[in-house]
Amino acid sequence: MNSELRISSEQRQAKVPITIFHASGWLDAQGESRLLEEARVAYDGGARYLLIDMRDLDTLTSAGMRALQKVYQIFTPKEDHFKVARMKLCNAPAQIYNVLGITGFLQNIPMYESIDSALESFGED
């Protein structure tokens, strides 16, 4: 099993333009900086809505959760906290979904079962 975090990205147009990160491997301390760098580059390039596809993510550690929280902060202006979800997640494997639920992440960061259902939800806030 390759533990290196790999991220590919694509742009999709829904009600608003969405950047999708397809993450695979381990989101851990080694992958944290990679995710943050990719998020900063996307945001600096004009992306304002981000969907992280977790379908191929094998492991999520506390450092990975910290990285997700930091990415959420990059994409969510302080005045919009609790109003508009600009970062969403989808396709989390059961064990990762359970960790995100237990830790309270899903209270602020919505999770969807598919890319299409997540894309449809952007712009409805």
C-alpha atoms as a PDB file:
ATOM      1  CA  MET A   1       0.000   0.000   0.000  1.00  0.00           C
ATOM      2  CA  ASN A   2       1.409   3.371  -1.037  1.00  0.00           C
ATOM      3  CA  SER A   3       0.930   5.856   1.802  1.00  0.00           C
ATOM      4  CA  GLU A   4       1.929   8.940  -0.187  1.00  0.00           C
ATOM      5  CA  LEU A   5      -0.888  11.454  -0.631  1.00  0.00           C
ATOM      6  CA  ARG A   6      -1.739  12.009  -4.261  1.00  0.00           C
ATOM      7  CA  ILE A   7      -4.034  14.809  -5.419  1.00  0.00           C
ATOM      8  CA  SER A   8      -5.380  15.401  -8.887  1.00  0.00           C
ATOM      9  CA  SER A   9      -7.674  18.295  -9.588  1.00  0.00           C
ATOM     10  CA  GLU A  10     -10.289  19.266 -12.105  1.00  0.00           C
ATOM     11  CA  GLN A  11     -12.677  22.147 -12.678  1.00  0.00           C
ATOM     12  CA  ARG A  12     -16.431  21.635 -13.012  1.00  0.00           C
ATOM     13  CA  GLN A  13     -19.170  24.140 -13.598  1.00  0.00           C
ATOM     14  CA  ALA A  14     -22.260  23.795 -11.418  1.00  0.00           C
ATOM     15  CA  LYS A  15     -24.273  26.800 -10.211  1.00  0.00           C
ATOM     16  CA  VAL A  16     -20.811  28.168  -9.424  1.00  0.00           C
ATOM     17  CA  PRO A  17     -17.365  27.045 -10.676  1.00  0.00           C
ATOM     18  CA  ILE A  18     -16.047  24.206  -8.489  1.00  0.00           C
ATOM     19  CA  THR A  19     -12.511  22.910  -8.057  1.00  0.00           C
ATOM     20  CA  ILE A  20     -12.475  19.191  -7.270  1.00  0.00           C
ATOM     21  CA  PHE A  21      -9.522  17.549  -5.546  1.00  0.00           C
ATOM     22  CA  HIS A  22      -9.383  13.759  -5.963  1.00  0.00           C
ATOM     23  CA  ALA A  23      -7.301  12.588  -2.985  1.00  0.00           C
ATOM     24  CA  SER A  24      -5.775   9.140  -2.691  1.00  0.00           C
ATOM     25  CA  GLY A  25      -3.353   7.484  -0.298  1.00  0.00           C
ATOM     26  CA  TRP A  26      -2.880   8.728   3.246  1.00  0.00           C
ATOM     27  CA  LEU A  27      -3.857  12.163   4.521  1.00  0.00           C
ATOM     28  CA  ASP A  28      -1.411  12.277   7.407  1.00  0.00           C
ATOM     29  CA  ALA A  29       1.442  14.478   8.633  1.00  0.00           C
ATOM     30  CA  GLN A  30       3.404  13.898   5.415  1.00  0.00           C
ATOM     31  CA  GLY A  31       0.381  14.699   3.233  1.00  0.00           C
ATOM     32  CA  GLU A  32      -0.711  17.742   5.236  1.00  0.00           C
ATOM     33  CA  SER A  33       1.662  20.185   3.533  1.00  0.00           C
ATOM     34  CA  ARG A  34       0.785  18.796   0.094  1.00  0.00           C
ATOM     35  CA  LEU A  35      -2.948  19.356   0.624  1.00  0.00           C
ATOM     36  CA  LEU A  36      -2.382  22.847   2.025  1.00  0.00           C
ATOM     37  CA  GLU A  37      -0.117  23.812  -0.875  1.00  0.00           C
ATOM     38  CA  GLU A  38      -2.608  22.534  -3.466  1.00  0.00           C
ATOM     39  CA  ALA A  39      -5.425  24.425  -1.706  1.00  0.00           C
ATOM     40  CA  ARG A  40      -3.441  27.675  -1.553  1.00  0.00           C
ATOM     41  CA  VAL A  41      -2.485  27.430  -5.218  1.00  0.00           C
ATOM     42  CA  ALA A  42      -6.117  26.802  -6.195  1.00  0.00           C
ATOM     43  CA  TYR A  43      -7.399  29.658  -4.025  1.00  0.00           C
ATOM     44  CA  ASP A  44      -4.720  32.069  -5.234  1.00  0.00           C
ATOM     45  CA  GLY A  45      -5.661  31.045  -8.784  1.00  0.00           C
ATOM     46  CA  GLY A  46      -9.254  32.168  -8.231  1.00  0.00           C
ATOM     47  CA  ALA A  47     -11.002  29.047  -6.926  1.00  0.00           C
ATOM     48  CA  ARG A  48     -13.641  29.900  -4.321  1.00  0.00           C
ATOM     49  CA  TYR A  49     -15.456  26.573  -4.010  1.00  0.00           C
ATOM     50  CA  LEU A  50     -13.701  23.283  -3.297  1.00  0.00           C
ATOM     51  CA  LEU A  51     -14.917  19.695  -3.260  1.00  0.00           C
ATOM     52  CA  ILE A  52     -12.596  17.023  -1.902  1.00  0.00           C
ATOM     53  CA  ASP A  53     -13.338  13.557  -3.283  1.00  0.00           C
ATOM     54  CA  MET A  54     -12.177  11.048  -0.661  1.00  0.00           C
ATOM     55  CA  ARG A  55     -13.110   7.870  -2.561  1.00  0.00           C
ATOM     56  CA  ASP A  56      -9.509   6.636  -2.797  1.00  0.00           C
ATOM     57  CA  LEU A  57      -8.289   7.944   0.554  1.00  0.00           C
ATOM     58  CA  ASP A  58      -6.940   5.039   2.600  1.00  0.00           C
ATOM     59  CA  THR A  59      -6.109   6.732   5.894  1.00  0.00           C
ATOM     60  CA  LEU A  60      -6.996   9.969   7.674  1.00  0.00           C
ATOM     61  CA  THR A  61      -4.969  10.875  10.772  1.00  0.00           C
ATOM     62  CA  SER A  62      -5.275  13.749  13.221  1.00  0.00           C
ATOM     63  CA  ALA A  63      -2.745  15.682  11.099  1.00  0.00           C
ATOM     64  CA  GLY A  64      -4.978  15.062   8.091  1.00  0.00           C
ATOM     65  CA  MET A  65      -7.988  16.401   9.969  1.00  0.00           C
ATOM     66  CA  ARG A  66      -5.948  19.461  10.898  1.00  0.00           C
ATOM     67  CA  ALA A  67      -5.125  19.922   7.204  1.00  0.00           C
ATOM     68  CA  LEU A  68      -8.820  19.707   6.283  1.00  0.00           C
ATOM     69  CA  GLN A  69      -9.627  22.332   8.911  1.00  0.00           C
ATOM     70  CA  LYS A  70      -6.925  24.649   7.543  1.00  0.00           C
ATOM     71  CA  VAL A  71      -8.222  24.217   3.987  1.00  0.00           C
ATOM     72  CA  TYR A  72     -11.732  24.982   5.251  1.00  0.00           C
ATOM     73  CA  GLN A  73     -10.366  28.212   6.739  1.00  0.00           C
ATOM     74  CA  ILE A  74      -8.663  29.153   3.466  1.00  0.00           C
ATOM     75  CA  PHE A  75     -11.907  28.765   1.500  1.00  0.00           C
ATOM     76  CA  THR A  76     -14.342  30.155   4.074  1.00  0.00           C
ATOM     77  CA  PRO A  77     -14.173  33.865   4.877  1.00  0.00           C
ATOM     78  CA  LYS A  78     -14.640  34.556   8.587  1.00  0.00           C
ATOM     79  CA  GLU A  79     -17.897  36.417   7.980  1.00  0.00           C
ATOM     80  CA  ASP A  80     -19.313  33.362   6.162  1.00  0.00           C
ATOM     81  CA  HIS A  81     -18.571  30.738   8.826  1.00  0.00           C
ATOM     82  CA  PHE A  82     -21.781  28.845   9.594  1.00  0.00           C
ATOM     83  CA  LYS A  83     -23.506  30.457   6.566  1.00  0.00           C
ATOM     84  CA  VAL A  84     -22.037  29.218   3.291  1.00  0.00           C
ATOM     85  CA  ALA A  85     -20.131  25.968   2.844  1.00  0.00           C
ATOM     86  CA  ARG A  86     -17.432  26.746   0.289  1.00  0.00           C
ATOM     87  CA  MET A  87     -15.614  23.480   0.978  1.00  0.00           C
ATOM     88  CA  LYS A  88     -17.416  20.155   0.889  1.00  0.00           C
ATOM     89  CA  LEU A  89     -16.414  16.493   1.029  1.00  0.00           C
ATOM     90  CA  CYS A  90     -17.715  13.443  -0.791  1.00  0.00           C
ATOM     91  CA  ASN A  91     -17.264   9.697  -1.172  1.00  0.00           C
ATOM     92  CA  ALA A  92     -15.542   9.072   2.159  1.00  0.00           C
ATOM     93  CA  PRO A  93     -14.920   5.396   2.901  1.00  0.00           C
ATOM     94  CA  ALA A  94     -16.902   4.209   5.930  1.00  0.00           C
ATOM     95  CA  GLN A  95     -13.987   4.298   8.384  1.00  0.00           C
ATOM     96  CA  ILE A  96     -13.047   7.858   7.385  1.00  0.00           C
ATOM     97  CA  TYR A  97     -16.673   9.002   7.442  1.00  0.00           C
ATOM     98  CA  ASN A  98     -17.017   7.612  10.976  1.00  0.00           C
ATOM     99  CA  VAL A  99     -13.897   9.444  12.179  1.00  0.00           C
ATOM    100  CA  LEU A 100     -15.120  12.711  10.662  1.00  0.00           C
ATOM    101  CA  GLY A 101     -18.524  12.237  12.286  1.00  0.00           C
ATOM    102  CA  ILE A 102     -17.191  11.363  15.737  1.00  0.00           C
ATOM    103  CA  THR A 103     -14.802  14.330  15.759  1.00  0.00           C
ATOM    104  CA  GLY A 104     -17.523  16.818  14.792  1.00  0.00           C
ATOM    105  CA  PHE A 105     -16.068  17.778  11.403  1.00  0.00           C
ATOM    106  CA  LEU A 106     -19.343  17.127   9.636  1.00  0.00           C
ATOM    107  CA  GLN A 107     -21.103  19.819  11.672  1.00  0.00           C
ATOM    108  CA  ASN A 108     -19.393  22.531   9.595  1.00  0.00           C
ATOM    109  CA  ILE A 109     -18.128  20.693   6.527  1.00  0.00           C
ATOM    110  CA  PRO A 110     -20.886  18.905   4.583  1.00  0.00           C
ATOM    111  CA  MET A 111     -20.343  15.366   3.309  1.00  0.00           C
ATOM    112  CA  TYR A 112     -22.061  13.913   0.239  1.00  0.00           C
ATOM    113  CA  GLU A 113     -22.317  10.378  -1.115  1.00  0.00           C
ATOM    114  CA  SER A 114     -21.340  11.317  -4.666  1.00  0.00           C
ATOM    115  CA  ILE A 115     -19.591  14.008  -6.641  1.00  0.00           C
ATOM    116  CA  ASP A 116     -22.810  14.820  -8.497  1.00  0.00           C
ATOM    117  CA  SER A 117     -24.886  15.328  -5.347  1.00  0.00           C
ATOM    118  CA  ALA A 118     -22.158  17.535  -3.884  1.00  0.00           C
ATOM    119  CA  LEU A 119     -21.879  19.599  -7.061  1.00  0.00           C
ATOM    120  CA  GLU A 120     -25.661  20.144  -7.101  1.00  0.00           C
ATOM    121  CA  SER A 121     -25.513  21.487  -3.545  1.00  0.00           C
ATOM    122  CA  PHE A 122     -23.039  24.299  -4.274  1.00  0.00           C
ATOM    123  CA  GLY A 123     -24.701  27.663  -4.679  1.00  0.00           C
ATOM    124  CA  GLU A 124     -27.826  26.652  -2.738  1.00  0.00           C
ATOM    125  CA  ASP A 125     -26.596  28.192   0.499  1.00  0.00           C
END
